[in-house]
């Protein structure tokens, strides 16, 4: 049986989870609102992806997850 592990930030540039992506943004001094405006996303969608409400499986949520390097 194979088990899937989340990729740790740094090994391939991806974040292990949405919370790690949020922390990485804040470490750079970028707020969620600034990230949303800079990348052309709605703040609400970015917030939902980071909080795990929007899983980022398709649509704008997926684009946000890709931009945040979650997917």
PDB file of N, CA and C in Angstrom:
ATOM      1  N   UNK A   1       0.849  -1.165   0.000  1.00  0.00           N
ATOM      2  CA  UNK A   1       0.000   0.000   0.000  1.00  0.00           C
ATOM      3  C   UNK A   1       0.897   1.231   0.000  1.00  0.00           C
ATOM      4  N   UNK A   2       0.660   2.130  -0.925  1.00  0.00           N
ATOM      5  CA  UNK A   2       1.476   3.348  -0.972  1.00  0.00           C
ATOM      6  C   UNK A   2       0.763   4.472  -0.232  1.00  0.00           C
ATOM      7  N   UNK A   3       1.539   5.270   0.469  1.00  0.00           N
ATOM      8  CA  UNK A   3       0.945   6.410   1.165  1.00  0.00           C
ATOM      9  C   UNK A   3       1.444   7.684   0.510  1.00  0.00           C
ATOM     10  N   UNK A   4       0.554   8.647   0.405  1.00  0.00           N
ATOM     11  CA  UNK A   4       0.905   9.926  -0.208  1.00  0.00           C
ATOM     12  C   UNK A   4       1.283  10.902   0.891  1.00  0.00           C
ATOM     13  N   UNK A   5       2.392  11.577   0.708  1.00  0.00           N
ATOM     14  CA  UNK A   5       2.828  12.572   1.666  1.00  0.00           C
ATOM     15  C   UNK A   5       2.740  13.948   1.020  1.00  0.00           C
ATOM     16  N   UNK A   6       2.412  14.935   1.819  1.00  0.00           N
ATOM     17  CA  UNK A   6       2.416  16.298   1.321  1.00  0.00           C
ATOM     18  C   UNK A   6       3.854  16.723   1.086  1.00  0.00           C
ATOM     19  N   UNK A   7       4.055  17.453   0.021  1.00  0.00           N
ATOM     20  CA  UNK A   7       5.395  17.936  -0.294  1.00  0.00           C
ATOM     21  C   UNK A   7       5.705  19.114   0.605  1.00  0.00           C
ATOM     22  N   UNK A   8       6.837  19.076   1.233  1.00  0.00           N
ATOM     23  CA  UNK A   8       7.237  20.127   2.148  1.00  0.00           C
ATOM     24  C   UNK A   8       7.810  21.289   1.348  1.00  0.00           C
ATOM     25  N   UNK A   9       7.445  22.495   1.741  1.00  0.00           N
ATOM     26  CA  UNK A   9       7.941  23.678   1.057  1.00  0.00           C
ATOM     27  C   UNK A   9       9.461  23.668   1.020  1.00  0.00           C
ATOM     28  N   UNK A  10       9.994  23.963  -0.127  1.00  0.00           N
ATOM     29  CA  UNK A  10      11.438  24.009  -0.262  1.00  0.00           C
ATOM     30  C   UNK A  10      11.977  22.860  -1.090  1.00  0.00           C
ATOM     31  N   UNK A  11      11.393  21.676  -0.948  1.00  0.00           N
ATOM     32  CA  UNK A  11      11.918  20.546  -1.691  1.00  0.00           C
ATOM     33  C   UNK A  11      11.562  20.640  -3.169  1.00  0.00           C
ATOM     34  N   UNK A  12      10.369  21.070  -3.485  1.00  0.00           N
ATOM     35  CA  UNK A  12      10.008  21.251  -4.886  1.00  0.00           C
ATOM     36  C   UNK A  12       9.310  22.589  -5.104  1.00  0.00           C
ATOM     37  N   UNK A  13       9.330  23.447  -4.096  1.00  0.00           N
ATOM     38  CA  UNK A  13       8.713  24.753  -4.248  1.00  0.00           C
ATOM     39  C   UNK A  13       7.243  24.776  -3.912  1.00  0.00           C
ATOM     40  N   UNK A  14       6.653  23.634  -3.597  1.00  0.00           N
ATOM     41  CA  UNK A  14       5.234  23.590  -3.249  1.00  0.00           C
ATOM     42  C   UNK A  14       5.061  23.680  -1.750  1.00  0.00           C
ATOM     43  N   UNK A  15       3.883  24.153  -1.351  1.00  0.00           N
ATOM     44  CA  UNK A  15       3.565  24.235   0.068  1.00  0.00           C
ATOM     45  C   UNK A  15       2.784  22.996   0.474  1.00  0.00           C
ATOM     46  N   UNK A  16       3.009  22.550   1.693  1.00  0.00           N
ATOM     47  CA  UNK A  16       2.379  21.323   2.176  1.00  0.00           C
ATOM     48  C   UNK A  16       0.869  21.487   2.312  1.00  0.00           C
ATOM     49  N   UNK A  17       0.412  22.678   2.654  1.00  0.00           N
ATOM     50  CA  UNK A  17      -1.014  22.904   2.850  1.00  0.00           C
ATOM     51  C   UNK A  17      -1.323  24.397   2.701  1.00  0.00           C
ATOM     52  N   UNK A  18      -2.597  24.761   2.667  1.00  0.00           N
ATOM     53  CA  UNK A  18      -2.966  26.171   2.520  1.00  0.00           C
ATOM     54  C   UNK A  18      -2.413  27.059   3.626  1.00  0.00           C
ATOM     55  N   UNK A  19      -2.362  26.541   4.854  1.00  0.00           N
ATOM     56  CA  UNK A  19      -1.843  27.343   5.963  1.00  0.00           C
ATOM     57  C   UNK A  19      -0.372  27.698   5.725  1.00  0.00           C
ATOM     58  N   UNK A  20       0.393  26.765   5.200  1.00  0.00           N
ATOM     59  CA  UNK A  20       1.809  27.022   4.901  1.00  0.00           C
ATOM     60  C   UNK A  20       1.942  28.097   3.824  1.00  0.00           C
ATOM     61  N   UNK A  21       1.021  28.091   2.855  1.00  0.00           N
ATOM     62  CA  UNK A  21       1.045  29.113   1.808  1.00  0.00           C
ATOM     63  C   UNK A  21       0.773  30.490   2.401  1.00  0.00           C
ATOM     64  N   UNK A  22      -0.168  30.559   3.315  1.00  0.00           N
ATOM     65  CA  UNK A  22      -0.493  31.827   3.980  1.00  0.00           C
ATOM     66  C   UNK A  22       0.707  32.324   4.775  1.00  0.00           C
ATOM     67  N   UNK A  23       1.341  31.443   5.516  1.00  0.00           N
ATOM     68  CA  UNK A  23       2.506  31.819   6.304  1.00  0.00           C
ATOM     69  C   UNK A  23       3.647  32.300   5.409  1.00  0.00           C
ATOM     70  N   UNK A  24       3.813  31.659   4.254  1.00  0.00           N
ATOM     71  CA  UNK A  24       4.872  32.065   3.323  1.00  0.00           C
ATOM     72  C   UNK A  24       4.604  33.473   2.781  1.00  0.00           C
ATOM     73  N   UNK A  25       3.343  33.761   2.489  1.00  0.00           N
ATOM     74  CA  UNK A  25       2.993  35.108   2.032  1.00  0.00           C
ATOM     75  C   UNK A  25       3.289  36.133   3.112  1.00  0.00           C
ATOM     76  N   UNK A  26       2.847  35.861   4.314  1.00  0.00           N
ATOM     77  CA  UNK A  26       3.055  36.797   5.423  1.00  0.00           C
ATOM     78  C   UNK A  26       4.535  36.977   5.734  1.00  0.00           C
ATOM     79  N   UNK A  27       5.322  35.920   5.562  1.00  0.00           N
ATOM     80  CA  UNK A  27       6.761  36.027   5.788  1.00  0.00           C
ATOM     81  C   UNK A  27       7.406  36.980   4.787  1.00  0.00           C
ATOM     82  N   UNK A  28       6.811  37.067   3.590  1.00  0.00           N
ATOM     83  CA  UNK A  28       7.295  37.991   2.561  1.00  0.00           C
ATOM     84  C   UNK A  28       6.706  39.389   2.736  1.00  0.00           C
ATOM     85  N   UNK A  29       5.802  39.538   3.705  1.00  0.00           N
ATOM     86  CA  UNK A  29       5.171  40.834   3.939  1.00  0.00           C
ATOM     87  C   UNK A  29       4.022  41.133   2.997  1.00  0.00           C
ATOM     88  N   UNK A  30       3.413  40.085   2.446  1.00  0.00           N
ATOM     89  CA  UNK A  30       2.304  40.235   1.503  1.00  0.00           C
ATOM     90  C   UNK A  30       1.014  39.765   2.171  1.00  0.00           C
ATOM     91  N   UNK A  31      -0.004  40.611   2.151  1.00  0.00           N
ATOM     92  CA  UNK A  31      -1.293  40.210   2.706  1.00  0.00           C
ATOM     93  C   UNK A  31      -2.084  39.447   1.654  1.00  0.00           C
ATOM     94  N   UNK A  32      -3.142  38.776   2.089  1.00  0.00           N
ATOM     95  CA  UNK A  32      -3.996  38.058   1.140  1.00  0.00           C
ATOM     96  C   UNK A  32      -4.629  39.031   0.152  1.00  0.00           C
ATOM     97  N   UNK A  33      -5.022  40.194   0.629  1.00  0.00           N
ATOM     98  CA  UNK A  33      -5.634  41.191  -0.244  1.00  0.00           C
ATOM     99  C   UNK A  33      -4.647  41.655  -1.314  1.00  0.00           C
ATOM    100  N   UNK A  34      -3.418  41.922  -0.922  1.00  0.00           N
ATOM    101  CA  UNK A  34      -2.397  42.341  -1.881  1.00  0.00           C
ATOM    102  C   UNK A  34      -2.129  41.239  -2.910  1.00  0.00           C
ATOM    103  N   UNK A  35      -2.054  39.993  -2.445  1.00  0.00           N
ATOM    104  CA  UNK A  35      -1.841  38.864  -3.346  1.00  0.00           C
ATOM    105  C   UNK A  35      -2.983  38.767  -4.354  1.00  0.00           C
ATOM    106  N   UNK A  36      -4.212  38.905  -3.864  1.00  0.00           N
ATOM    107  CA  UNK A  36      -5.391  38.814  -4.737  1.00  0.00           C
ATOM    108  C   UNK A  36      -5.362  39.911  -5.794  1.00  0.00           C
ATOM    109  N   UNK A  37      -5.106  41.145  -5.373  1.00  0.00           N
ATOM    110  CA  UNK A  37      -5.096  42.266  -6.316  1.00  0.00           C
ATOM    111  C   UNK A  37      -3.979  42.121  -7.345  1.00  0.00           C
ATOM    112  N   UNK A  38      -2.804  41.725  -6.902  1.00  0.00           N
ATOM    113  CA  UNK A  38      -1.647  41.595  -7.786  1.00  0.00           C
ATOM    114  C   UNK A  38      -1.868  40.524  -8.850  1.00  0.00           C
ATOM    115  N   UNK A  39      -2.578  39.452  -8.484  1.00  0.00           N
ATOM    116  CA  UNK A  39      -2.763  38.321  -9.391  1.00  0.00           C
ATOM    117  C   UNK A  39      -4.129  38.273 -10.064  1.00  0.00           C
ATOM    118  N   UNK A  40      -4.953  39.288  -9.829  1.00  0.00           N
ATOM    119  CA  UNK A  40      -6.246  39.358 -10.507  1.00  0.00           C
ATOM    120  C   UNK A  40      -7.309  38.418  -9.969  1.00  0.00           C
ATOM    121  N   UNK A  41      -7.206  38.050  -8.697  1.00  0.00           N
ATOM    122  CA  UNK A  41      -8.196  37.171  -8.080  1.00  0.00           C
ATOM    123  C   UNK A  41      -9.087  37.977  -7.145  1.00  0.00           C
ATOM    124  N   UNK A  42     -10.231  37.399  -6.828  1.00  0.00           N
ATOM    125  CA  UNK A  42     -11.104  37.993  -5.811  1.00  0.00           C
ATOM    126  C   UNK A  42     -10.519  37.648  -4.441  1.00  0.00           C
ATOM    127  N   UNK A  43     -10.521  38.629  -3.543  1.00  0.00           N
ATOM    128  CA  UNK A  43     -10.000  38.399  -2.196  1.00  0.00           C
ATOM    129  C   UNK A  43     -10.738  37.241  -1.531  1.00  0.00           C
ATOM    130  N   UNK A  44     -12.034  37.201  -1.703  1.00  0.00           N
ATOM    131  CA  UNK A  44     -12.840  36.163  -1.057  1.00  0.00           C
ATOM    132  C   UNK A  44     -12.381  34.760  -1.476  1.00  0.00           C
ATOM    133  N   UNK A  45     -12.094  34.586  -2.766  1.00  0.00           N
ATOM    134  CA  UNK A  45     -11.650  33.277  -3.254  1.00  0.00           C
ATOM    135  C   UNK A  45     -10.304  32.907  -2.653  1.00  0.00           C
ATOM    136  N   UNK A  46      -9.373  33.864  -2.603  1.00  0.00           N
ATOM    137  CA  UNK A  46      -8.053  33.602  -2.014  1.00  0.00           C
ATOM    138  C   UNK A  46      -8.217  33.218  -0.551  1.00  0.00           C
ATOM    139  N   UNK A  47      -9.047  33.962   0.166  1.00  0.00           N
ATOM    140  CA  UNK A  47      -9.283  33.681   1.579  1.00  0.00           C
ATOM    141  C   UNK A  47      -9.875  32.290   1.775  1.00  0.00           C
ATOM    142  N   UNK A  48     -10.840  31.931   0.938  1.00  0.00           N
ATOM    143  CA  UNK A  48     -11.473  30.615   1.059  1.00  0.00           C
ATOM    144  C   UNK A  48     -10.495  29.479   0.784  1.00  0.00           C
ATOM    145  N   UNK A  49      -9.612  29.656  -0.192  1.00  0.00           N
ATOM    146  CA  UNK A  49      -8.623  28.618  -0.504  1.00  0.00           C
ATOM    147  C   UNK A  49      -7.650  28.461   0.663  1.00  0.00           C
ATOM    148  N   UNK A  50      -7.191  29.571   1.217  1.00  0.00           N
ATOM    149  CA  UNK A  50      -6.232  29.528   2.324  1.00  0.00           C
ATOM    150  C   UNK A  50      -6.861  28.926   3.576  1.00  0.00           C
ATOM    151  N   UNK A  51      -8.156  29.189   3.790  1.00  0.00           N
ATOM    152  CA  UNK A  51      -8.835  28.641   4.972  1.00  0.00           C
ATOM    153  C   UNK A  51      -9.287  27.207   4.766  1.00  0.00           C
ATOM    154  N   UNK A  52      -9.211  26.708   3.531  1.00  0.00           N
ATOM    155  CA  UNK A  52      -9.610  25.336   3.252  1.00  0.00           C
ATOM    156  C   UNK A  52     -11.087  25.171   2.954  1.00  0.00           C
ATOM    157  N   UNK A  53     -11.829  26.275   2.881  1.00  0.00           N
ATOM    158  CA  UNK A  53     -13.246  26.210   2.549  1.00  0.00           C
ATOM    159  C   UNK A  53     -13.398  25.838   1.078  1.00  0.00           C
ATOM    160  N   UNK A  54     -12.599  26.478   0.236  1.00  0.00           N
ATOM    161  CA  UNK A  54     -12.550  26.161  -1.192  1.00  0.00           C
ATOM    162  C   UNK A  54     -11.341  25.251  -1.379  1.00  0.00           C
ATOM    163  N   UNK A  55     -11.574  24.042  -1.862  1.00  0.00           N
ATOM    164  CA  UNK A  55     -10.498  23.054  -1.985  1.00  0.00           C
ATOM    165  C   UNK A  55      -9.613  23.291  -3.203  1.00  0.00           C
ATOM    166  N   UNK A  56     -10.008  24.197  -4.086  1.00  0.00           N
ATOM    167  CA  UNK A  56      -9.201  24.505  -5.257  1.00  0.00           C
ATOM    168  C   UNK A  56      -9.166  23.393  -6.281  1.00  0.00           C
ATOM    169  N   UNK A  57     -10.270  22.714  -6.447  1.00  0.00           N
ATOM    170  CA  UNK A  57     -10.311  21.592  -7.383  1.00  0.00           C
ATOM    171  C   UNK A  57     -10.568  22.029  -8.823  1.00  0.00           C
ATOM    172  N   UNK A  58     -11.261  23.156  -9.000  1.00  0.00           N
ATOM    173  CA  UNK A  58     -11.562  23.639 -10.352  1.00  0.00           C
ATOM    174  C   UNK A  58     -11.884  25.132 -10.286  1.00  0.00           C
ATOM    175  N   UNK A  59     -11.945  25.742 -11.451  1.00  0.00           N
ATOM    176  CA  UNK A  59     -12.322  27.146 -11.539  1.00  0.00           C
ATOM    177  C   UNK A  59     -11.295  28.096 -10.943  1.00  0.00           C
ATOM    178  N   UNK A  60     -11.793  29.250 -10.479  1.00  0.00           N
ATOM    179  CA  UNK A  60     -10.909  30.264  -9.925  1.00  0.00           C
ATOM    180  C   UNK A  60     -10.182  29.752  -8.682  1.00  0.00           C
ATOM    181  N   UNK A  61     -10.846  28.942  -7.885  1.00  0.00           N
ATOM    182  CA  UNK A  61     -10.205  28.378  -6.699  1.00  0.00           C
ATOM    183  C   UNK A  61      -8.971  27.563  -7.065  1.00  0.00           C
ATOM    184  N   UNK A  62      -9.055  26.816  -8.155  1.00  0.00           N
ATOM    185  CA  UNK A  62      -7.907  26.027  -8.607  1.00  0.00           C
ATOM    186  C   UNK A  62      -6.780  26.946  -9.067  1.00  0.00           C
ATOM    187  N   UNK A  63      -7.130  27.998  -9.784  1.00  0.00           N
ATOM    188  CA  UNK A  63      -6.119  28.953 -10.245  1.00  0.00           C
ATOM    189  C   UNK A  63      -5.412  29.600  -9.060  1.00  0.00           C
ATOM    190  N   UNK A  64      -6.169  29.927  -8.018  1.00  0.00           N
ATOM    191  CA  UNK A  64      -5.582  30.500  -6.805  1.00  0.00           C
ATOM    192  C   UNK A  64      -4.647  29.485  -6.162  1.00  0.00           C
ATOM    193  N   UNK A  65      -5.094  28.241  -6.040  1.00  0.00           N
ATOM    194  CA  UNK A  65      -4.265  27.197  -5.422  1.00  0.00           C
ATOM    195  C   UNK A  65      -2.962  27.003  -6.189  1.00  0.00           C
ATOM    196  N   UNK A  66      -3.026  27.063  -7.504  1.00  0.00           N
ATOM    197  CA  UNK A  66      -1.819  26.930  -8.327  1.00  0.00           C
ATOM    198  C   UNK A  66      -0.906  28.130  -8.099  1.00  0.00           C
ATOM    199  N   UNK A  67      -1.478  29.333  -8.065  1.00  0.00           N
ATOM    200  CA  UNK A  67      -0.681  30.543  -7.843  1.00  0.00           C
ATOM    201  C   UNK A  67      -0.023  30.544  -6.466  1.00  0.00           C
ATOM    202  N   UNK A  68      -0.709  29.967  -5.480  1.00  0.00           N
ATOM    203  CA  UNK A  68      -0.159  29.872  -4.126  1.00  0.00           C
ATOM    204  C   UNK A  68       0.782  28.673  -3.972  1.00  0.00           C
ATOM    205  N   UNK A  69       0.935  27.893  -5.051  1.00  0.00           N
ATOM    206  CA  UNK A  69       1.788  26.697  -5.065  1.00  0.00           C
ATOM    207  C   UNK A  69       1.299  25.630  -4.090  1.00  0.00           C
ATOM    208  N   UNK A  70      -0.027  25.540  -3.950  1.00  0.00           N
ATOM    209  CA  UNK A  70      -0.622  24.469  -3.140  1.00  0.00           C
ATOM    210  C   UNK A  70      -0.850  23.248  -4.029  1.00  0.00           C
ATOM    211  N   UNK A  71      -1.208  23.486  -5.272  1.00  0.00           N
ATOM    212  CA  UNK A  71      -1.462  22.420  -6.249  1.00  0.00           C
ATOM    213  C   UNK A  71      -0.410  22.455  -7.327  1.00  0.00           C
TER     214      UNK A  71
END
